[in-house]
Amino acid sequence: MSLERETQRVREVYDGRTKAEVARRGTPLDPFELCAIHEREELLAEILRREGLISLAGLRILDIGCGT
């Protein structure tokens, strides 16, 4: 397989992934998405409690590139 063909194949695969992700976005009622969000929130709350943080009130928080 030539380098050009392989490059094109990889681009097509990634284009397909991007389109699939875009099609799935915007569905906040998707049960899987809701479960994943809830799981992340529970883990974060657990980490904060372990560090002795019960409330974030009054704290200055820098959020760098966390996205979802």
PDB file of N, CA and C in Angstrom:
ATOM      1  N   MET A   1       0.851  -1.175   0.000  1.00  0.00           N
ATOM      2  CA  MET A   1       0.000   0.000   0.000  1.00  0.00           C
ATOM      3  C   MET A   1       0.897   1.239   0.000  1.00  0.00           C
ATOM      4  N   SER A   2       0.554   2.165  -0.852  1.00  0.00           N
ATOM      5  CA  SER A   2       1.376   3.374  -0.932  1.00  0.00           C
ATOM      6  C   SER A   2       1.090   4.299   0.251  1.00  0.00           C
ATOM      7  N   LEU A   3       2.028   5.160   0.508  1.00  0.00           N
ATOM      8  CA  LEU A   3       1.891   6.115   1.600  1.00  0.00           C
ATOM      9  C   LEU A   3       0.689   7.030   1.364  1.00  0.00           C
ATOM     10  N   GLU A   4       0.484   7.433   0.123  1.00  0.00           N
ATOM     11  CA  GLU A   4      -0.652   8.311  -0.197  1.00  0.00           C
ATOM     12  C   GLU A   4      -1.976   7.613   0.080  1.00  0.00           C
ATOM     13  N   ARG A   5      -2.078   6.343  -0.293  1.00  0.00           N
ATOM     14  CA  ARG A   5      -3.319   5.594  -0.048  1.00  0.00           C
ATOM     15  C   ARG A   5      -3.567   5.409   1.444  1.00  0.00           C
ATOM     16  N   GLU A   6      -2.509   5.096   2.172  1.00  0.00           N
ATOM     17  CA  GLU A   6      -2.651   4.903   3.619  1.00  0.00           C
ATOM     18  C   GLU A   6      -3.024   6.215   4.302  1.00  0.00           C
ATOM     19  N   THR A   7      -2.425   7.309   3.862  1.00  0.00           N
ATOM     20  CA  THR A   7      -2.768   8.621   4.405  1.00  0.00           C
ATOM     21  C   THR A   7      -4.238   8.919   4.160  1.00  0.00           C
ATOM     22  N   GLN A   8      -4.708   8.646   2.961  1.00  0.00           N
ATOM     23  CA  GLN A   8      -6.116   8.876   2.622  1.00  0.00           C
ATOM     24  C   GLN A   8      -7.020   7.981   3.459  1.00  0.00           C
ATOM     25  N   ARG A   9      -6.634   6.722   3.656  1.00  0.00           N
ATOM     26  CA  ARG A   9      -7.430   5.782   4.445  1.00  0.00           C
ATOM     27  C   ARG A   9      -7.556   6.275   5.891  1.00  0.00           C
ATOM     28  N   VAL A  10      -6.437   6.716   6.461  1.00  0.00           N
ATOM     29  CA  VAL A  10      -6.452   7.213   7.838  1.00  0.00           C
ATOM     30  C   VAL A  10      -7.337   8.448   7.940  1.00  0.00           C
ATOM     31  N   ARG A  11      -7.236   9.353   6.981  1.00  0.00           N
ATOM     32  CA  ARG A  11      -8.082  10.555   6.987  1.00  0.00           C
ATOM     33  C   ARG A  11      -9.556  10.190   6.929  1.00  0.00           C
ATOM     34  N   GLU A  12      -9.904   9.215   6.098  1.00  0.00           N
ATOM     35  CA  GLU A  12     -11.299   8.792   5.987  1.00  0.00           C
ATOM     36  C   GLU A  12     -11.802   8.184   7.294  1.00  0.00           C
ATOM     37  N   VAL A  13     -10.960   7.391   7.936  1.00  0.00           N
ATOM     38  CA  VAL A  13     -11.350   6.802   9.217  1.00  0.00           C
ATOM     39  C   VAL A  13     -11.603   7.896  10.238  1.00  0.00           C
ATOM     40  N   TYR A  14     -10.697   8.858  10.336  1.00  0.00           N
ATOM     41  CA  TYR A  14     -10.870   9.930  11.302  1.00  0.00           C
ATOM     42  C   TYR A  14     -12.036  10.834  10.937  1.00  0.00           C
ATOM     43  N   ASP A  15     -12.266  11.074   9.662  1.00  0.00           N
ATOM     44  CA  ASP A  15     -13.433  11.859   9.250  1.00  0.00           C
ATOM     45  C   ASP A  15     -14.710  11.155   9.689  1.00  0.00           C
ATOM     46  N   GLY A  16     -14.758   9.848   9.535  1.00  0.00           N
ATOM     47  CA  GLY A  16     -15.921   9.082   9.954  1.00  0.00           C
ATOM     48  C   GLY A  16     -16.151   9.163  11.440  1.00  0.00           C
ATOM     49  N   ARG A  17     -15.081   9.112  12.215  1.00  0.00           N
ATOM     50  CA  ARG A  17     -15.207   9.225  13.670  1.00  0.00           C
ATOM     51  C   ARG A  17     -15.742  10.594  14.050  1.00  0.00           C
ATOM     52  N   THR A  18     -15.222  11.615  13.422  1.00  0.00           N
ATOM     53  CA  THR A  18     -15.660  12.971  13.712  1.00  0.00           C
ATOM     54  C   THR A  18     -17.143  13.127  13.402  1.00  0.00           C
ATOM     55  N   LYS A  19     -17.591  12.625  12.265  1.00  0.00           N
ATOM     56  CA  LYS A  19     -18.999  12.733  11.893  1.00  0.00           C
ATOM     57  C   LYS A  19     -19.878  11.975  12.883  1.00  0.00           C
ATOM     58  N   ALA A  20     -19.431  10.816  13.317  1.00  0.00           N
ATOM     59  CA  ALA A  20     -20.203  10.023  14.277  1.00  0.00           C
ATOM     60  C   ALA A  20     -20.300  10.755  15.611  1.00  0.00           C
ATOM     61  N   GLU A  21     -19.213  11.377  16.048  1.00  0.00           N
ATOM     62  CA  GLU A  21     -19.224  12.111  17.314  1.00  0.00           C
ATOM     63  C   GLU A  21     -20.148  13.311  17.229  1.00  0.00           C
ATOM     64  N   VAL A  22     -20.099  14.020  16.102  1.00  0.00           N
ATOM     65  CA  VAL A  22     -20.956  15.191  15.918  1.00  0.00           C
ATOM     66  C   VAL A  22     -22.419  14.760  15.907  1.00  0.00           C
ATOM     67  N   ALA A  23     -22.716  13.636  15.274  1.00  0.00           N
ATOM     68  CA  ALA A  23     -24.094  13.150  15.216  1.00  0.00           C
ATOM     69  C   ALA A  23     -24.598  12.781  16.600  1.00  0.00           C
ATOM     70  N   ARG A  24     -23.722  12.302  17.472  1.00  0.00           N
ATOM     71  CA  ARG A  24     -24.106  11.870  18.814  1.00  0.00           C
ATOM     72  C   ARG A  24     -24.216  13.038  19.784  1.00  0.00           C
ATOM     73  N   ARG A  25     -23.511  14.121  19.498  1.00  0.00           N
ATOM     74  CA  ARG A  25     -23.557  15.279  20.395  1.00  0.00           C
ATOM     75  C   ARG A  25     -24.945  15.895  20.409  1.00  0.00           C
ATOM     76  N   GLY A  26     -25.197  16.643  21.439  1.00  0.00           N
ATOM     77  CA  GLY A  26     -26.472  17.334  21.508  1.00  0.00           C
ATOM     78  C   GLY A  26     -27.595  16.421  21.958  1.00  0.00           C
ATOM     79  N   THR A  27     -27.251  15.278  22.533  1.00  0.00           N
ATOM     80  CA  THR A  27     -28.274  14.366  23.030  1.00  0.00           C
ATOM     81  C   THR A  27     -28.083  14.181  24.533  1.00  0.00           C
ATOM     82  N   PRO A  28     -28.379  15.226  25.307  1.00  0.00           N
ATOM     83  CA  PRO A  28     -28.140  15.144  26.748  1.00  0.00           C
ATOM     84  C   PRO A  28     -29.031  14.124  27.450  1.00  0.00           C
ATOM     85  N   LEU A  29     -30.046  13.625  26.778  1.00  0.00           N
ATOM     86  CA  LEU A  29     -30.920  12.644  27.404  1.00  0.00           C
ATOM     87  C   LEU A  29     -30.517  11.215  27.064  1.00  0.00           C
ATOM     88  N   ASP A  30     -29.418  11.057  26.358  1.00  0.00           N
ATOM     89  CA  ASP A  30     -28.901   9.724  26.047  1.00  0.00           C
ATOM     90  C   ASP A  30     -28.512   9.050  27.367  1.00  0.00           C
ATOM     91  N   PRO A  31     -29.089   7.904  27.699  1.00  0.00           N
ATOM     92  CA  PRO A  31     -28.811   7.256  28.989  1.00  0.00           C
ATOM     93  C   PRO A  31     -27.327   7.008  29.237  1.00  0.00           C
ATOM     94  N   PHE A  32     -26.578   6.604  28.218  1.00  0.00           N
ATOM     95  CA  PHE A  32     -25.149   6.370  28.395  1.00  0.00           C
ATOM     96  C   PHE A  32     -24.443   7.663  28.764  1.00  0.00           C
ATOM     97  N   GLU A  33     -24.779   8.736  28.061  1.00  0.00           N
ATOM     98  CA  GLU A  33     -24.146  10.032  28.317  1.00  0.00           C
ATOM     99  C   GLU A  33     -24.468  10.513  29.730  1.00  0.00           C
ATOM    100  N   LEU A  34     -25.714  10.384  30.127  1.00  0.00           N
ATOM    101  CA  LEU A  34     -26.113  10.790  31.473  1.00  0.00           C
ATOM    102  C   LEU A  34     -25.366   9.992  32.538  1.00  0.00           C
ATOM    103  N   CYS A  35     -25.239   8.702  32.321  1.00  0.00           N
ATOM    104  CA  CYS A  35     -24.537   7.843  33.279  1.00  0.00           C
ATOM    105  C   CYS A  35     -23.059   8.231  33.361  1.00  0.00           C
ATOM    106  N   ALA A  36     -22.436   8.490  32.221  1.00  0.00           N
ATOM    107  CA  ALA A  36     -21.019   8.861  32.191  1.00  0.00           C
ATOM    108  C   ALA A  36     -20.792  10.188  32.919  1.00  0.00           C
ATOM    109  N   ILE A  37     -21.672  11.156  32.689  1.00  0.00           N
ATOM    110  CA  ILE A  37     -21.551  12.454  33.357  1.00  0.00           C
ATOM    111  C   ILE A  37     -21.702  12.281  34.865  1.00  0.00           C
ATOM    112  N   HIS A  38     -22.707  11.530  35.264  1.00  0.00           N
ATOM    113  CA  HIS A  38     -22.954  11.305  36.691  1.00  0.00           C
ATOM    114  C   HIS A  38     -21.764  10.601  37.350  1.00  0.00           C
ATOM    115  N   GLU A  39     -21.200   9.637  36.655  1.00  0.00           N
ATOM    116  CA  GLU A  39     -20.050   8.904  37.184  1.00  0.00           C
ATOM    117  C   GLU A  39     -18.857   9.835  37.406  1.00  0.00           C
ATOM    118  N   ARG A  40     -18.594  10.709  36.440  1.00  0.00           N
ATOM    119  CA  ARG A  40     -17.489  11.666  36.583  1.00  0.00           C
ATOM    120  C   ARG A  40     -17.728  12.612  37.751  1.00  0.00           C
ATOM    121  N   GLU A  41     -18.977  13.081  37.889  1.00  0.00           N
ATOM    122  CA  GLU A  41     -19.298  13.988  38.985  1.00  0.00           C
ATOM    123  C   GLU A  41     -19.109  13.299  40.341  1.00  0.00           C
ATOM    124  N   GLU A  42     -19.533  12.046  40.453  1.00  0.00           N
ATOM    125  CA  GLU A  42     -19.357  11.311  41.703  1.00  0.00           C
ATOM    126  C   GLU A  42     -17.878  11.127  42.045  1.00  0.00           C
ATOM    127  N   LEU A  43     -17.071  10.797  41.038  1.00  0.00           N
ATOM    128  CA  LEU A  43     -15.640  10.615  41.273  1.00  0.00           C
ATOM    129  C   LEU A  43     -14.976  11.919  41.706  1.00  0.00           C
ATOM    130  N   LEU A  44     -15.342  13.007  41.061  1.00  0.00           N
ATOM    131  CA  LEU A  44     -14.774  14.307  41.433  1.00  0.00           C
ATOM    132  C   LEU A  44     -15.171  14.673  42.855  1.00  0.00           C
ATOM    133  N   ALA A  45     -16.440  14.469  43.205  1.00  0.00           N
ATOM    134  CA  ALA A  45     -16.890  14.771  44.569  1.00  0.00           C
ATOM    135  C   ALA A  45     -16.133  13.919  45.579  1.00  0.00           C
ATOM    136  N   GLU A  46     -15.897  12.669  45.263  1.00  0.00           N
ATOM    137  CA  GLU A  46     -15.147  11.781  46.159  1.00  0.00           C
ATOM    138  C   GLU A  46     -13.713  12.282  46.362  1.00  0.00           C
ATOM    139  N   ILE A  47     -13.077  12.689  45.289  1.00  0.00           N
ATOM    140  CA  ILE A  47     -11.704  13.208  45.379  1.00  0.00           C
ATOM    141  C   ILE A  47     -11.674  14.467  46.243  1.00  0.00           C
ATOM    142  N   LEU A  48     -12.620  15.367  46.022  1.00  0.00           N
ATOM    143  CA  LEU A  48     -12.658  16.607  46.795  1.00  0.00           C
ATOM    144  C   LEU A  48     -12.903  16.337  48.273  1.00  0.00           C
ATOM    145  N   ARG A  49     -13.824  15.411  48.584  1.00  0.00           N
ATOM    146  CA  ARG A  49     -14.089  15.060  49.992  1.00  0.00           C
ATOM    147  C   ARG A  49     -12.844  14.461  50.646  1.00  0.00           C
ATOM    148  N   ARG A  50     -12.151  13.608  49.895  1.00  0.00           N
ATOM    149  CA  ARG A  50     -10.935  12.992  50.417  1.00  0.00           C
ATOM    150  C   ARG A  50      -9.895  14.051  50.780  1.00  0.00           C
ATOM    151  N   GLU A  51      -9.901  15.149  50.023  1.00  0.00           N
ATOM    152  CA  GLU A  51      -8.956  16.238  50.287  1.00  0.00           C
ATOM    153  C   GLU A  51      -9.479  17.214  51.340  1.00  0.00           C
ATOM    154  N   GLY A  52     -10.631  16.894  51.920  1.00  0.00           N
ATOM    155  CA  GLY A  52     -11.182  17.726  52.984  1.00  0.00           C
ATOM    156  C   GLY A  52     -12.033  18.886  52.509  1.00  0.00           C
ATOM    157  N   LEU A  53     -12.372  18.908  51.243  1.00  0.00           N
ATOM    158  CA  LEU A  53     -13.209  19.989  50.715  1.00  0.00           C
ATOM    159  C   LEU A  53     -14.669  19.550  50.732  1.00  0.00           C
ATOM    160  N   ILE A  54     -15.457  20.258  51.517  1.00  0.00           N
ATOM    161  CA  ILE A  54     -16.883  19.954  51.581  1.00  0.00           C
ATOM    162  C   ILE A  54     -17.650  20.935  50.705  1.00  0.00           C
ATOM    163  N   SER A  55     -17.138  22.151  50.575  1.00  0.00           N
ATOM    164  CA  SER A  55     -17.784  23.185  49.779  1.00  0.00           C
ATOM    165  C   SER A  55     -16.725  23.905  48.950  1.00  0.00           C
ATOM    166  N   LEU A  56     -17.114  24.343  47.778  1.00  0.00           N
ATOM    167  CA  LEU A  56     -16.211  25.115  46.926  1.00  0.00           C
ATOM    168  C   LEU A  56     -16.450  26.616  47.073  1.00  0.00           C
ATOM    169  N   ALA A  57     -17.393  26.979  47.919  1.00  0.00           N
ATOM    170  CA  ALA A  57     -17.730  28.392  48.133  1.00  0.00           C
ATOM    171  C   ALA A  57     -16.494  29.151  48.598  1.00  0.00           C
ATOM    172  N   GLY A  58     -16.270  30.282  47.974  1.00  0.00           N
ATOM    173  CA  GLY A  58     -15.168  31.148  48.373  1.00  0.00           C
ATOM    174  C   GLY A  58     -13.814  30.757  47.792  1.00  0.00           C
ATOM    175  N   LEU A  59     -13.755  29.648  47.078  1.00  0.00           N
ATOM    176  CA  LEU A  59     -12.483  29.225  46.484  1.00  0.00           C
ATOM    177  C   LEU A  59     -12.331  29.801  45.087  1.00  0.00           C
ATOM    178  N   ARG A  60     -11.098  30.059  44.711  1.00  0.00           N
ATOM    179  CA  ARG A  60     -10.797  30.452  43.328  1.00  0.00           C
ATOM    180  C   ARG A  60     -10.305  29.201  42.631  1.00  0.00           C
ATOM    181  N   ILE A  61     -10.953  28.838  41.523  1.00  0.00           N
ATOM    182  CA  ILE A  61     -10.641  27.596  40.826  1.00  0.00           C
ATOM    183  C   ILE A  61     -10.260  27.913  39.391  1.00  0.00           C
ATOM    184  N   LEU A  62      -9.143  27.368  38.966  1.00  0.00           N
ATOM    185  CA  LEU A  62      -8.692  27.507  37.592  1.00  0.00           C
ATOM    186  C   LEU A  62      -8.937  26.207  36.861  1.00  0.00           C
ATOM    187  N   ASP A  63      -9.762  26.271  35.829  1.00  0.00           N
ATOM    188  CA  ASP A  63     -10.127  25.100  35.035  1.00  0.00           C
ATOM    189  C   ASP A  63      -9.401  25.221  33.692  1.00  0.00           C
ATOM    190  N   ILE A  64      -8.419  24.355  33.465  1.00  0.00           N
ATOM    191  CA  ILE A  64      -7.609  24.452  32.256  1.00  0.00           C
ATOM    192  C   ILE A  64      -7.871  23.260  31.349  1.00  0.00           C
ATOM    193  N   GLY A  65      -8.520  23.503  30.224  1.00  0.00           N
ATOM    194  CA  GLY A  65      -8.679  22.492  29.187  1.00  0.00           C
ATOM    195  C   GLY A  65      -9.363  21.205  29.607  1.00  0.00           C
ATOM    196  N   CYS A  66     -10.278  21.286  30.530  1.00  0.00           N
ATOM    197  CA  CYS A  66     -10.933  20.063  30.985  1.00  0.00           C
ATOM    198  C   CYS A  66     -12.055  19.631  30.052  1.00  0.00           C
ATOM    199  N   GLY A  67     -12.672  20.544  29.366  1.00  0.00           N
ATOM    200  CA  GLY A  67     -13.770  20.197  28.487  1.00  0.00           C
ATOM    201  C   GLY A  67     -14.851  19.476  29.252  1.00  0.00           C
ATOM    202  N   THR A  68     -15.427  18.447  28.622  1.00  0.00           N
ATOM    203  CA  THR A  68     -16.449  17.687  29.331  1.00  0.00           C
ATOM    204  C   THR A  68     -15.797  16.679  30.205  1.00  0.00           C
TER     205      THR A  68
END
